[in-house]
C-alpha cells in the first residue's frame, strides 16, 4: 500500500511540474498585430511613424504585440502623428528619442483582449496597458487630457488581436 501511494505521489508531482512549467510566449499562427501593421504600411504608407515609434519604444512593447495573447490596438495614422508633432512643436526625432515617453504613449493605445468594433462601441471606458483609461462615446475616444480621436477604420484582424485605426494620438 505504501509503495502504491508513493508511486501515485511521484506521478502526480511529475505531472504537476510539467503542467506548471513556463511556456514560451511564441506568436500564434498567422499574422500578428506587428505583421499586419507592417503589411498595411507597405500597402498604404499610413503607419510609418507608428512603426518607427514601436522600434524606438522599450523592446517589450514590440515583443508583446508580436507575441502571444490577445490585444486591441488603436493605431494612429501618420497624419495623426504629424498633427501631434506640430501641436507639441517637436520633430519626430526629438519625440522618438525619448524612449520612456514613446513607450508610455504606445501603451496608452493598447488594451488587453480582442475587442471588435461592437465591443468598443458598447464600452464607455477602456482600460489601457499603460494603466490609464480611454473614454469612448459614439466611436470617439477621449483621453484624460480631454483630447479626442475618431475611430476611422475598424476590425483589422490579426492572429493575436485586432486593430482599429484612429485619426489622432491620445496621450496618457
N, C-alpha and C. Protein backbone atom coordinates (compact mmCIF):
# COMPACT_ATOMS: atom_id res chain seq x y z
N UNK A 1 0.83 -1.19 0.00
CA UNK A 1 0.00 0.00 0.00
C UNK A 1 0.87 1.26 0.00
N UNK A 2 1.93 1.24 0.87
CA UNK A 2 2.84 2.39 0.91
C UNK A 2 3.49 2.62 -0.45
N UNK A 3 3.86 1.50 -1.07
CA UNK A 3 4.53 1.59 -2.37
C UNK A 3 3.59 2.18 -3.43
N UNK A 4 2.34 1.79 -3.43
CA UNK A 4 1.36 2.31 -4.38
C UNK A 4 1.13 3.81 -4.16
N UNK A 5 1.03 4.22 -2.90
CA UNK A 5 0.84 5.64 -2.59
C UNK A 5 2.06 6.44 -3.03
N UNK A 6 3.25 5.91 -2.79
CA UNK A 6 4.49 6.59 -3.20
C UNK A 6 4.53 6.75 -4.72
N UNK A 7 4.18 5.72 -5.46
CA UNK A 7 4.18 5.78 -6.93
C UNK A 7 3.18 6.83 -7.41
N UNK A 8 1.99 6.84 -6.82
CA UNK A 8 0.97 7.82 -7.21
C UNK A 8 1.46 9.24 -6.92
N UNK A 9 2.07 9.46 -5.75
CA UNK A 9 2.59 10.79 -5.40
C UNK A 9 3.68 11.23 -6.37
N UNK A 10 4.59 10.33 -6.70
CA UNK A 10 5.66 10.65 -7.65
C UNK A 10 5.07 11.02 -9.01
N UNK A 11 4.10 10.27 -9.47
CA UNK A 11 3.46 10.57 -10.76
C UNK A 11 2.75 11.92 -10.72
N UNK A 12 2.04 12.20 -9.65
CA UNK A 12 1.34 13.48 -9.52
C UNK A 12 2.31 14.65 -9.49
N UNK A 13 3.39 14.50 -8.74
CA UNK A 13 4.40 15.56 -8.69
C UNK A 13 5.02 15.79 -10.06
N UNK A 14 5.32 14.72 -10.75
CA UNK A 14 5.89 14.83 -12.09
C UNK A 14 4.94 15.52 -13.06
N UNK A 15 3.67 15.13 -13.03
CA UNK A 15 2.68 15.75 -13.91
C UNK A 15 2.43 17.20 -13.54
N UNK A 16 2.41 17.53 -12.24
CA UNK A 16 2.15 18.91 -11.84
C UNK A 16 3.30 19.82 -12.24
N UNK A 17 4.53 19.32 -12.16
CA UNK A 17 5.65 20.17 -12.56
C UNK A 17 5.61 20.42 -14.07
N UNK A 18 5.15 19.43 -14.83
CA UNK A 18 5.01 19.61 -16.28
C UNK A 18 3.88 20.59 -16.59
N UNK A 19 2.78 20.48 -15.88
CA UNK A 19 1.61 21.33 -16.13
C UNK A 19 1.89 22.78 -15.81
N UNK A 20 2.75 23.05 -14.83
CA UNK A 20 3.01 24.43 -14.42
C UNK A 20 4.33 24.96 -14.96
N UNK A 21 4.97 24.22 -15.84
CA UNK A 21 6.23 24.69 -16.42
C UNK A 21 5.95 25.91 -17.29
N UNK A 22 6.86 26.90 -17.26
CA UNK A 22 6.64 28.09 -18.08
C UNK A 22 6.64 27.74 -19.56
N UNK A 23 5.77 28.39 -20.28
CA UNK A 23 5.67 28.16 -21.71
C UNK A 23 6.21 29.38 -22.45
N UNK A 24 6.79 29.17 -23.57
CA UNK A 24 7.30 30.27 -24.38
C UNK A 24 6.14 31.12 -24.87
N UNK A 25 6.36 32.42 -24.96
CA UNK A 25 5.33 33.34 -25.42
C UNK A 25 5.42 33.49 -26.93
N UNK A 26 5.44 32.37 -27.61
CA UNK A 26 5.56 32.38 -29.06
C UNK A 26 4.31 33.00 -29.69
N UNK A 27 4.50 33.55 -30.84
CA UNK A 27 3.38 34.16 -31.55
C UNK A 27 2.41 33.08 -32.00
N UNK A 28 1.12 33.42 -32.03
CA UNK A 28 0.13 32.47 -32.51
C UNK A 28 0.31 32.27 -34.02
N UNK A 29 -0.24 31.19 -34.56
CA UNK A 29 -0.14 31.01 -36.01
C UNK A 29 -0.89 32.12 -36.74
N UNK A 30 -0.30 32.61 -37.79
CA UNK A 30 -0.91 33.69 -38.56
C UNK A 30 -0.19 35.01 -38.31
N UNK A 31 -0.65 36.04 -38.97
CA UNK A 31 -0.02 37.36 -38.87
C UNK A 31 -0.37 38.03 -37.55
N UNK A 32 0.66 38.49 -36.83
CA UNK A 32 0.45 39.20 -35.58
C UNK A 32 0.09 40.66 -35.86
N UNK A 33 -0.21 41.38 -34.81
CA UNK A 33 -0.52 42.81 -34.93
C UNK A 33 0.63 43.54 -35.63
N UNK A 34 1.86 43.21 -35.26
CA UNK A 34 3.03 43.84 -35.89
C UNK A 34 3.08 43.49 -37.37
N UNK A 35 2.88 42.23 -37.71
CA UNK A 35 2.89 41.81 -39.12
C UNK A 35 1.83 42.56 -39.93
N UNK A 36 0.64 42.68 -39.37
CA UNK A 36 -0.46 43.36 -40.06
C UNK A 36 -0.13 44.84 -40.25
N UNK A 37 0.40 45.49 -39.19
CA UNK A 37 0.76 46.91 -39.30
C UNK A 37 1.82 47.11 -40.38
N UNK A 38 2.80 46.22 -40.43
CA UNK A 38 3.84 46.32 -41.46
C UNK A 38 3.25 46.13 -42.86
N UNK A 39 2.34 45.18 -43.01
CA UNK A 39 1.72 44.92 -44.31
C UNK A 39 0.86 46.10 -44.75
N UNK A 40 0.07 46.64 -43.83
CA UNK A 40 -0.77 47.80 -44.17
C UNK A 40 0.11 48.98 -44.53
N UNK A 41 1.20 49.18 -43.79
CA UNK A 41 2.10 50.28 -44.10
C UNK A 41 2.76 50.10 -45.47
N UNK A 42 3.14 48.87 -45.79
CA UNK A 42 3.74 48.61 -47.10
C UNK A 42 2.77 48.92 -48.23
N UNK A 43 1.49 48.69 -47.97
CA UNK A 43 0.45 48.93 -48.98
C UNK A 43 0.02 50.40 -49.05
N UNK A 44 -0.11 51.04 -47.88
CA UNK A 44 -0.70 52.38 -47.84
C UNK A 44 0.24 53.48 -47.35
N UNK A 45 1.29 53.11 -46.62
CA UNK A 45 2.19 54.11 -46.05
C UNK A 45 1.60 54.83 -44.84
N UNK A 46 0.50 54.33 -44.30
CA UNK A 46 -0.21 55.01 -43.20
C UNK A 46 0.41 54.85 -41.83
N UNK A 47 1.28 53.88 -41.62
CA UNK A 47 1.78 53.61 -40.28
C UNK A 47 3.29 53.71 -40.14
N UNK A 48 3.96 54.48 -40.99
CA UNK A 48 5.42 54.53 -40.91
C UNK A 48 5.90 55.16 -39.61
N UNK A 49 5.23 56.19 -39.11
CA UNK A 49 5.65 56.80 -37.84
C UNK A 49 5.30 55.88 -36.68
N UNK A 50 4.16 55.21 -36.73
CA UNK A 50 3.80 54.25 -35.70
C UNK A 50 4.85 53.14 -35.62
N UNK A 51 5.28 52.64 -36.76
CA UNK A 51 6.29 51.58 -36.78
C UNK A 51 7.62 52.10 -36.23
N UNK A 52 7.98 53.35 -36.59
CA UNK A 52 9.19 53.95 -36.03
C UNK A 52 9.07 54.09 -34.51
N UNK A 53 7.88 54.43 -34.03
CA UNK A 53 7.66 54.56 -32.59
C UNK A 53 7.80 53.20 -31.90
N UNK A 54 7.27 52.15 -32.53
CA UNK A 54 7.41 50.81 -31.97
C UNK A 54 8.88 50.41 -31.87
N UNK A 55 9.66 50.79 -32.85
CA UNK A 55 11.09 50.47 -32.83
C UNK A 55 11.84 51.31 -31.81
N UNK A 56 11.35 52.52 -31.52
CA UNK A 56 12.01 53.42 -30.57
C UNK A 56 11.61 53.12 -29.12
N UNK A 57 10.49 52.46 -28.93
CA UNK A 57 9.98 52.17 -27.58
C UNK A 57 10.77 51.05 -26.92
N UNK A 58 10.46 50.81 -25.68
CA UNK A 58 11.03 49.67 -24.96
C UNK A 58 10.76 48.42 -25.80
N UNK A 59 11.76 47.57 -26.02
CA UNK A 59 11.57 46.37 -26.85
C UNK A 59 10.43 45.46 -26.37
N UNK A 60 10.06 45.56 -25.12
CA UNK A 60 8.97 44.73 -24.60
C UNK A 60 7.64 45.06 -25.29
N UNK A 61 7.46 46.30 -25.74
CA UNK A 61 6.22 46.67 -26.42
C UNK A 61 6.11 45.90 -27.74
N UNK A 62 7.16 45.93 -28.52
CA UNK A 62 7.18 45.22 -29.80
C UNK A 62 7.02 43.71 -29.57
N UNK A 63 7.70 43.18 -28.56
CA UNK A 63 7.59 41.75 -28.26
C UNK A 63 6.17 41.38 -27.86
N UNK A 64 5.51 42.25 -27.11
CA UNK A 64 4.13 41.99 -26.69
C UNK A 64 3.21 41.94 -27.90
N UNK A 65 3.33 42.91 -28.79
CA UNK A 65 2.44 42.99 -29.95
C UNK A 65 2.77 41.96 -31.03
N UNK A 66 3.94 41.36 -30.95
CA UNK A 66 4.32 40.32 -31.90
C UNK A 66 4.20 38.93 -31.28
N UNK A 67 3.80 38.87 -30.01
CA UNK A 67 3.77 37.59 -29.31
C UNK A 67 2.38 37.06 -29.08
N UNK A 68 2.29 36.17 -28.12
CA UNK A 68 1.05 35.50 -27.78
C UNK A 68 0.19 36.43 -26.93
N UNK A 69 -1.07 36.14 -26.82
CA UNK A 69 -2.00 36.98 -26.08
C UNK A 69 -2.91 37.68 -27.07
N UNK A 70 -3.96 38.28 -26.57
CA UNK A 70 -4.90 38.99 -27.43
C UNK A 70 -4.95 40.45 -27.00
N UNK A 71 -4.84 41.36 -27.98
CA UNK A 71 -4.80 42.78 -27.71
C UNK A 71 -5.65 43.55 -28.71
N UNK A 72 -6.12 44.70 -28.27
CA UNK A 72 -6.81 45.64 -29.14
C UNK A 72 -5.91 46.85 -29.26
N UNK A 73 -5.58 47.23 -30.49
CA UNK A 73 -4.71 48.37 -30.72
C UNK A 73 -5.50 49.47 -31.43
N UNK A 74 -5.40 50.68 -30.88
CA UNK A 74 -5.94 51.86 -31.53
C UNK A 74 -4.75 52.54 -32.20
N UNK A 75 -4.63 52.34 -33.51
CA UNK A 75 -3.43 52.72 -34.26
C UNK A 75 -3.59 54.10 -34.92
N UNK A 76 -2.82 55.09 -34.46
CA UNK A 76 -2.88 56.41 -35.10
C UNK A 76 -2.21 56.38 -36.47
N UNK A 77 -2.77 57.12 -37.40
CA UNK A 77 -2.20 57.25 -38.74
C UNK A 77 -0.98 58.17 -38.68
N UNK A 78 -0.22 58.20 -39.77
CA UNK A 78 0.90 59.13 -39.85
C UNK A 78 0.42 60.57 -39.72
N UNK A 79 -0.72 60.90 -40.33
CA UNK A 79 -1.26 62.26 -40.23
C UNK A 79 -1.54 62.62 -38.77
N UNK A 80 -1.99 61.64 -37.98
CA UNK A 80 -2.24 61.88 -36.55
C UNK A 80 -0.93 62.22 -35.83
N UNK A 81 0.13 61.50 -36.15
CA UNK A 81 1.42 61.78 -35.52
C UNK A 81 1.97 63.13 -35.98
N UNK A 82 1.83 63.46 -37.26
CA UNK A 82 2.30 64.75 -37.76
C UNK A 82 1.57 65.89 -37.05
N UNK A 83 0.27 65.74 -36.86
CA UNK A 83 -0.50 66.76 -36.15
C UNK A 83 0.00 66.90 -34.71
N UNK A 84 0.30 65.78 -34.06
CA UNK A 84 0.82 65.83 -32.69
C UNK A 84 2.17 66.53 -32.64
N UNK A 85 3.05 66.22 -33.58
CA UNK A 85 4.36 66.86 -33.62
C UNK A 85 4.22 68.37 -33.75
N UNK A 86 3.30 68.81 -34.63
CA UNK A 86 3.06 70.24 -34.79
C UNK A 86 2.50 70.86 -33.52
N UNK A 87 1.59 70.16 -32.90
CA UNK A 87 0.98 70.65 -31.66
C UNK A 87 2.01 70.80 -30.54
N UNK A 88 2.92 69.82 -30.45
CA UNK A 88 3.95 69.86 -29.40
C UNK A 88 5.15 70.72 -29.77
N UNK A 89 5.27 71.03 -31.07
CA UNK A 89 6.41 71.83 -31.52
C UNK A 89 7.73 71.08 -31.44
N UNK A 90 7.69 69.77 -31.74
CA UNK A 90 8.90 68.95 -31.73
C UNK A 90 9.01 68.19 -33.05
N UNK A 91 10.21 67.72 -33.32
CA UNK A 91 10.42 66.89 -34.52
C UNK A 91 10.16 65.43 -34.16
N UNK A 92 10.01 64.62 -35.19
CA UNK A 92 9.81 63.19 -34.98
C UNK A 92 11.03 62.61 -34.26
N UNK A 93 12.23 63.06 -34.62
CA UNK A 93 13.45 62.56 -33.99
C UNK A 93 13.47 62.90 -32.50
N UNK A 94 13.03 64.11 -32.15
CA UNK A 94 13.00 64.50 -30.73
C UNK A 94 12.01 63.64 -29.96
N UNK A 95 10.83 63.45 -30.52
CA UNK A 95 9.82 62.64 -29.84
C UNK A 95 10.28 61.19 -29.72
N UNK A 96 10.76 60.62 -30.82
CA UNK A 96 11.16 59.22 -30.82
C UNK A 96 12.43 58.97 -30.02
N UNK A 97 13.19 60.03 -29.74
CA UNK A 97 14.40 59.91 -28.93
C UNK A 97 14.12 59.72 -27.45
N UNK A 98 12.89 59.94 -27.03
CA UNK A 98 12.53 59.78 -25.61
C UNK A 98 11.83 58.43 -25.44
N UNK A 99 12.62 57.38 -25.20
CA UNK A 99 12.09 56.01 -25.16
C UNK A 99 10.99 55.84 -24.11
N UNK A 100 11.19 56.42 -22.93
CA UNK A 100 10.19 56.25 -21.87
C UNK A 100 8.85 56.87 -22.27
N UNK A 101 8.90 58.07 -22.86
CA UNK A 101 7.67 58.74 -23.29
C UNK A 101 6.98 57.97 -24.42
N UNK A 102 7.75 57.55 -25.42
CA UNK A 102 7.19 56.80 -26.54
C UNK A 102 6.55 55.51 -26.04
N UNK A 103 7.20 54.83 -25.12
CA UNK A 103 6.66 53.59 -24.56
C UNK A 103 5.33 53.85 -23.87
N UNK A 104 5.28 54.89 -23.04
CA UNK A 104 4.05 55.20 -22.30
C UNK A 104 2.92 55.57 -23.27
N UNK A 105 3.23 56.36 -24.29
CA UNK A 105 2.20 56.75 -25.26
C UNK A 105 1.68 55.53 -26.02
N UNK A 106 2.58 54.67 -26.47
CA UNK A 106 2.15 53.48 -27.20
C UNK A 106 1.28 52.56 -26.34
N UNK A 107 1.67 52.36 -25.09
CA UNK A 107 0.88 51.50 -24.20
C UNK A 107 -0.49 52.09 -23.91
N UNK A 108 -0.63 53.40 -24.11
CA UNK A 108 -1.94 54.05 -23.94
C UNK A 108 -2.84 53.83 -25.16
N UNK A 109 -2.32 53.16 -26.18
CA UNK A 109 -3.09 52.84 -27.38
C UNK A 109 -3.41 51.35 -27.48
N UNK A 110 -3.09 50.58 -26.43
CA UNK A 110 -3.27 49.12 -26.46
C UNK A 110 -4.08 48.69 -25.24
N UNK A 111 -5.09 47.85 -25.50
CA UNK A 111 -5.90 47.27 -24.42
C UNK A 111 -5.77 45.75 -24.46
N UNK A 112 -5.87 45.13 -23.31
CA UNK A 112 -5.88 43.66 -23.26
C UNK A 112 -7.18 43.14 -23.86
N UNK A 113 -7.08 42.01 -24.53
CA UNK A 113 -8.26 41.37 -25.09
C UNK A 113 -8.55 41.83 -26.50
N UNK A 114 -9.22 40.97 -27.21
CA UNK A 114 -9.61 41.26 -28.60
C UNK A 114 -11.01 41.87 -28.57
N UNK A 115 -11.11 43.17 -28.83
CA UNK A 115 -12.39 43.88 -28.78
C UNK A 115 -12.75 44.37 -30.18
N UNK A 116 -13.74 43.72 -30.76
CA UNK A 116 -14.16 44.18 -32.09
C UNK A 116 -14.90 45.51 -31.94
N UNK A 117 -15.25 46.10 -33.06
CA UNK A 117 -15.86 47.43 -33.03
C UNK A 117 -17.15 47.46 -32.21
N UNK A 118 -17.94 46.38 -32.27
CA UNK A 118 -19.16 46.32 -31.48
C UNK A 118 -18.89 46.39 -29.99
N UNK A 119 -17.85 45.69 -29.55
CA UNK A 119 -17.48 45.72 -28.13
C UNK A 119 -16.92 47.08 -27.73
N UNK A 120 -16.15 47.68 -28.62
CA UNK A 120 -15.59 49.00 -28.33
C UNK A 120 -16.72 50.02 -28.20
N UNK A 121 -17.63 50.03 -29.16
CA UNK A 121 -18.74 50.99 -29.15
C UNK A 121 -19.64 50.77 -27.93
N UNK A 122 -19.77 49.53 -27.49
CA UNK A 122 -20.60 49.23 -26.31
C UNK A 122 -19.92 49.63 -24.99
N UNK A 123 -18.64 49.96 -25.04
CA UNK A 123 -17.90 50.33 -23.83
C UNK A 123 -17.88 51.84 -23.65
N UNK A 124 -18.00 52.28 -22.42
CA UNK A 124 -17.86 53.71 -22.16
C UNK A 124 -16.45 54.03 -21.68
N UNK A 125 -15.75 53.02 -21.14
CA UNK A 125 -14.38 53.18 -20.66
C UNK A 125 -13.57 51.95 -21.02
N UNK A 126 -12.35 52.17 -21.49
CA UNK A 126 -11.48 51.07 -21.88
C UNK A 126 -10.16 51.22 -21.12
N UNK A 127 -9.79 50.19 -20.38
CA UNK A 127 -8.52 50.22 -19.63
C UNK A 127 -7.38 49.88 -20.60
N UNK A 128 -6.36 50.71 -20.59
CA UNK A 128 -5.24 50.55 -21.49
C UNK A 128 -4.06 49.88 -20.77
N UNK A 129 -3.11 49.33 -21.53
CA UNK A 129 -1.96 48.67 -20.92
C UNK A 129 -1.12 49.63 -20.07
N UNK A 130 -1.20 50.91 -20.35
CA UNK A 130 -0.45 51.89 -19.57
C UNK A 130 -1.00 52.03 -18.16
N UNK A 131 -2.21 51.51 -17.94
CA UNK A 131 -2.86 51.63 -16.64
C UNK A 131 -3.97 52.67 -16.64
N UNK A 132 -3.96 53.56 -17.62
CA UNK A 132 -4.99 54.59 -17.71
C UNK A 132 -6.21 54.09 -18.46
N UNK A 133 -7.16 54.99 -18.63
CA UNK A 133 -8.39 54.67 -19.32
C UNK A 133 -8.60 55.62 -20.49
N UNK A 134 -9.29 55.13 -21.51
CA UNK A 134 -9.84 55.97 -22.57
C UNK A 134 -11.35 55.91 -22.41
N UNK A 135 -11.99 57.05 -22.54
CA UNK A 135 -13.45 57.06 -22.57
C UNK A 135 -13.86 56.95 -24.03
N UNK A 136 -14.99 56.31 -24.27
CA UNK A 136 -15.47 56.10 -25.63
C UNK A 136 -16.94 56.46 -25.68
N UNK A 137 -17.29 57.21 -26.72
CA UNK A 137 -18.69 57.55 -26.94
C UNK A 137 -18.90 57.74 -28.43
N UNK A 138 -19.72 56.88 -29.03
CA UNK A 138 -20.06 57.01 -30.44
C UNK A 138 -18.88 56.92 -31.39
N UNK A 139 -17.87 56.13 -31.04
CA UNK A 139 -16.70 55.99 -31.91
C UNK A 139 -15.66 57.06 -31.72
N UNK A 140 -15.81 57.86 -30.67
CA UNK A 140 -14.83 58.90 -30.36
C UNK A 140 -14.17 58.52 -29.03
N UNK A 141 -12.84 58.43 -29.06
CA UNK A 141 -12.07 58.14 -27.85
C UNK A 141 -11.63 59.46 -27.23
N UNK A 142 -11.70 59.55 -25.91
CA UNK A 142 -11.26 60.75 -25.20
C UNK A 142 -10.27 60.34 -24.13
N UNK A 143 -9.09 60.98 -24.13
CA UNK A 143 -8.09 60.65 -23.13
C UNK A 143 -8.31 61.48 -21.86
N UNK A 144 -7.45 61.30 -20.89
CA UNK A 144 -7.59 62.01 -19.61
C UNK A 144 -7.32 63.51 -19.72
N UNK A 145 -6.75 63.94 -20.84
CA UNK A 145 -6.48 65.36 -21.07
C UNK A 145 -7.60 66.04 -21.85
N UNK A 146 -8.63 65.26 -22.20
CA UNK A 146 -9.74 65.81 -22.99
C UNK A 146 -9.49 65.79 -24.48
N UNK A 147 -8.36 65.23 -24.92
CA UNK A 147 -8.05 65.09 -26.35
C UNK A 147 -8.95 64.00 -26.93
N UNK A 148 -9.38 64.18 -28.17
CA UNK A 148 -10.25 63.18 -28.78
C UNK A 148 -9.61 62.60 -30.04
N UNK A 149 -10.01 61.38 -30.34
CA UNK A 149 -9.59 60.68 -31.55
C UNK A 149 -10.79 59.92 -32.09
N UNK A 150 -11.05 60.10 -33.36
CA UNK A 150 -12.14 59.37 -34.02
C UNK A 150 -11.63 58.02 -34.51
N UNK A 151 -12.44 57.00 -34.33
CA UNK A 151 -12.12 55.69 -34.89
C UNK A 151 -12.56 55.74 -36.36
N UNK A 152 -11.58 55.62 -37.27
CA UNK A 152 -11.88 55.83 -38.69
C UNK A 152 -11.86 54.55 -39.52
N UNK A 153 -11.31 53.48 -38.99
CA UNK A 153 -11.35 52.16 -39.64
C UNK A 153 -11.36 51.13 -38.53
N UNK A 154 -12.14 50.08 -38.71
CA UNK A 154 -12.33 49.13 -37.62
C UNK A 154 -12.07 47.69 -38.03
N UNK A 155 -11.84 46.88 -37.02
CA UNK A 155 -11.82 45.43 -37.16
C UNK A 155 -10.79 44.89 -38.16
N UNK A 156 -9.57 45.43 -38.09
CA UNK A 156 -8.48 44.88 -38.90
C UNK A 156 -7.93 43.69 -38.10
N UNK A 157 -8.17 42.46 -38.58
CA UNK A 157 -7.84 41.29 -37.77
C UNK A 157 -6.36 40.93 -37.78
N UNK A 158 -5.92 40.37 -36.67
CA UNK A 158 -4.58 39.79 -36.54
C UNK A 158 -4.72 38.52 -35.70
N UNK A 159 -3.74 37.65 -35.79
CA UNK A 159 -3.81 36.40 -35.04
C UNK A 159 -3.85 36.64 -33.53
N UNK A 160 -3.22 37.72 -33.08
CA UNK A 160 -3.16 37.98 -31.64
C UNK A 160 -3.94 39.23 -31.24
N UNK A 161 -4.94 39.58 -32.02
CA UNK A 161 -5.77 40.72 -31.63
C UNK A 161 -6.45 41.38 -32.80
N UNK A 162 -6.70 42.67 -32.62
CA UNK A 162 -7.45 43.43 -33.61
C UNK A 162 -6.97 44.88 -33.59
N UNK A 163 -7.03 45.52 -34.73
CA UNK A 163 -6.58 46.91 -34.85
C UNK A 163 -7.76 47.78 -35.28
N UNK A 164 -7.87 48.94 -34.64
CA UNK A 164 -8.81 49.97 -35.05
C UNK A 164 -7.95 51.21 -35.33
N UNK A 165 -8.16 51.85 -36.46
CA UNK A 165 -7.36 53.00 -36.85
C UNK A 165 -8.03 54.27 -36.31
N UNK A 166 -7.19 55.17 -35.75
CA UNK A 166 -7.71 56.43 -35.21
C UNK A 166 -7.01 57.62 -35.86
N UNK A 167 -7.67 58.78 -35.83
CA UNK A 167 -7.18 59.95 -36.54
C UNK A 167 -6.41 60.93 -35.66
N UNK A 168 -6.13 60.58 -34.43
CA UNK A 168 -5.33 61.44 -33.53
C UNK A 168 -4.58 60.55 -32.54
N UNK A 169 -3.50 61.09 -32.01
CA UNK A 169 -2.74 60.39 -30.98
C UNK A 169 -3.34 60.79 -29.64
N UNK A 170 -3.72 59.81 -28.83
CA UNK A 170 -4.21 60.10 -27.48
C UNK A 170 -3.01 60.06 -26.52
N UNK A 171 -3.09 60.88 -25.48
CA UNK A 171 -1.96 60.98 -24.56
C UNK A 171 -2.37 60.60 -23.14
N UNK A 172 -1.49 59.87 -22.46
CA UNK A 172 -1.81 59.45 -21.08
C UNK A 172 -1.82 60.62 -20.11
